[in-house]
Structure formats: structure tokens, C-alpha cells
Amino acid sequence: MILKSTPNFTDFLNALKTIPENVSIRLWRGQQYQTTKQSLQNGKLIKLYAESLAHKDHVSFNLYRLVAGDQLKPCEMPEGKVIDFVVNSQAS
């Protein structure tokens, strides 16, 4: 899905900037997630994988920063879950 500059997507991008590169721990919905963020190809590809430390849950996506617009590709999960995690998770 190509995303335009909507308020929700702007919030997503701003929140994504606050997640550090490499490994960090994030708190989301009362659970801790080990989160790995990688920026590749001079920031044109951002990969994020977060795995719950308490139960079998994860969040995973690739974000392509294209000339035609940003393309968010969740990995076998709803886009809403990805956006919710990025916008609402906090550093732990």
C-alpha cells in the first residue's frame, strides 16, 4: 500500500524515528517486546521486528521510502497492528 501524507501516517513516521536502531526493549499493551530496527539502503528501507518476551506474539514490517510514496509492508499481519505498535509502544 502506498501511503500519502495523512495525519495517522505522519504520526507513524514520527514515532518510528523515536525507536532506536538495532536492539531495544519496548513496552506495548502491558508486555515487553525485544525490538530490532534496521535502516538499510541509505534509509530507503526500514525493517522492524519485535517479539514479545512473555508470550508468542510479534510485530514485523518493512517500510520502503520510494519516490512515488512510502510503502508499508506488514509481514503476515494487519497493517493496523503495525501502526498501533509503532505509535503506542514506549521505551522500557
Protein backbone atom coordinates (compact mmCIF):
# COMPACT_ATOMS: atom_id res chain seq x y z
CA MET A 1 0.00 0.00 0.00
CA ILE A 2 1.37 3.41 -1.00
CA LEU A 3 0.76 5.86 1.82
CA LYS A 4 0.14 9.57 1.48
CA SER A 5 0.97 12.25 4.00
CA THR A 6 -2.02 11.62 6.27
CA PRO A 7 -2.07 12.57 9.97
CA ASN A 8 -2.07 8.89 11.04
CA PHE A 9 0.85 8.05 8.79
CA THR A 10 2.70 11.20 9.85
CA ASP A 11 2.26 10.06 13.48
CA PHE A 12 3.58 6.63 12.46
CA LEU A 13 6.69 8.10 10.80
CA ASN A 14 7.39 10.43 13.72
CA ALA A 15 7.03 7.58 16.22
CA LEU A 16 9.22 5.30 14.09
CA LYS A 17 12.02 7.87 14.30
CA THR A 18 12.00 7.53 18.11
CA ILE A 19 12.68 3.78 18.01
CA PRO A 20 16.45 3.32 18.14
CA GLU A 21 18.42 1.36 15.57
CA ASN A 22 19.50 -2.16 16.50
CA VAL A 23 18.00 -3.87 19.56
CA SER A 24 15.86 -2.22 22.23
CA ILE A 25 13.07 -3.17 24.61
CA ARG A 26 9.64 -1.62 24.05
CA LEU A 27 6.53 -1.79 26.22
CA TRP A 28 3.25 -2.31 24.35
CA ARG A 29 -0.12 -3.36 25.75
CA GLY A 30 1.50 -4.20 29.08
CA GLN A 31 4.10 -6.55 27.56
CA GLN A 32 7.80 -6.13 26.83
CA TYR A 33 8.96 -6.66 23.25
CA GLN A 34 12.53 -7.11 22.12
CA THR A 35 12.63 -4.84 19.10
CA THR A 36 15.16 -4.80 16.28
CA LYS A 37 15.13 -1.90 13.84
CA GLN A 38 17.39 -1.65 10.81
CA SER A 39 17.70 1.14 8.28
CA LEU A 40 19.19 -0.03 5.00
CA GLN A 41 19.95 1.45 1.60
CA ASN A 42 20.55 4.95 3.00
CA GLY A 43 17.22 4.92 4.86
CA LYS A 44 15.16 3.85 1.84
CA LEU A 45 14.30 0.57 3.57
CA ILE A 46 13.42 0.30 7.26
CA LYS A 47 12.87 -3.14 8.78
CA LEU A 48 11.40 -3.72 12.21
CA TYR A 49 10.87 -6.97 14.09
CA ALA A 50 9.54 -7.05 17.65
CA GLU A 51 8.97 -10.22 19.66
CA SER A 52 7.11 -10.44 22.95
CA LEU A 53 9.25 -11.57 25.86
CA ALA A 54 6.22 -13.02 27.66
CA HIS A 55 4.15 -14.86 25.05
CA LYS A 56 4.07 -15.86 21.40
CA ASP A 57 3.42 -12.58 19.64
CA HIS A 58 5.41 -10.46 17.28
CA VAL A 59 5.23 -7.38 15.07
CA SER A 60 7.12 -7.23 11.79
CA PHE A 61 7.21 -4.95 8.77
CA ASN A 62 9.27 -3.39 6.03
CA LEU A 63 8.86 0.27 5.11
CA TYR A 64 10.03 1.31 1.66
CA ARG A 65 10.71 5.05 1.24
CA LEU A 66 10.02 5.38 -2.52
CA VAL A 67 9.95 8.38 -4.81
CA ALA A 68 6.31 7.54 -5.59
CA GLY A 69 5.47 7.44 -1.87
CA ASP A 70 6.12 5.37 1.21
CA GLN A 71 5.09 1.73 1.02
CA LEU A 72 4.37 -0.14 4.28
CA LYS A 73 4.56 -3.93 4.01
CA PRO A 74 3.46 -5.71 7.20
CA CYS A 75 4.73 -9.28 7.43
CA GLU A 76 1.64 -11.51 7.59
CA MET A 77 -0.31 -9.30 9.99
CA PRO A 78 -2.79 -6.43 9.75
CA GLU A 79 -1.38 -3.00 8.96
CA GLY A 80 -3.29 -1.64 11.96
CA LYS A 81 -1.29 -3.82 14.36
CA VAL A 82 1.99 -2.49 12.95
CA ILE A 83 0.86 1.13 13.18
CA ASP A 84 -0.51 0.61 16.71
CA PHE A 85 2.78 -0.88 17.89
CA VAL A 86 4.94 1.88 16.44
CA VAL A 87 2.70 4.74 17.62
CA ASN A 88 1.82 3.36 21.06
CA SER A 89 4.83 1.38 22.23
CA GLN A 90 7.23 3.06 24.64
CA ALA A 91 10.87 2.59 25.54
CA SER A 92 11.15 0.24 28.51
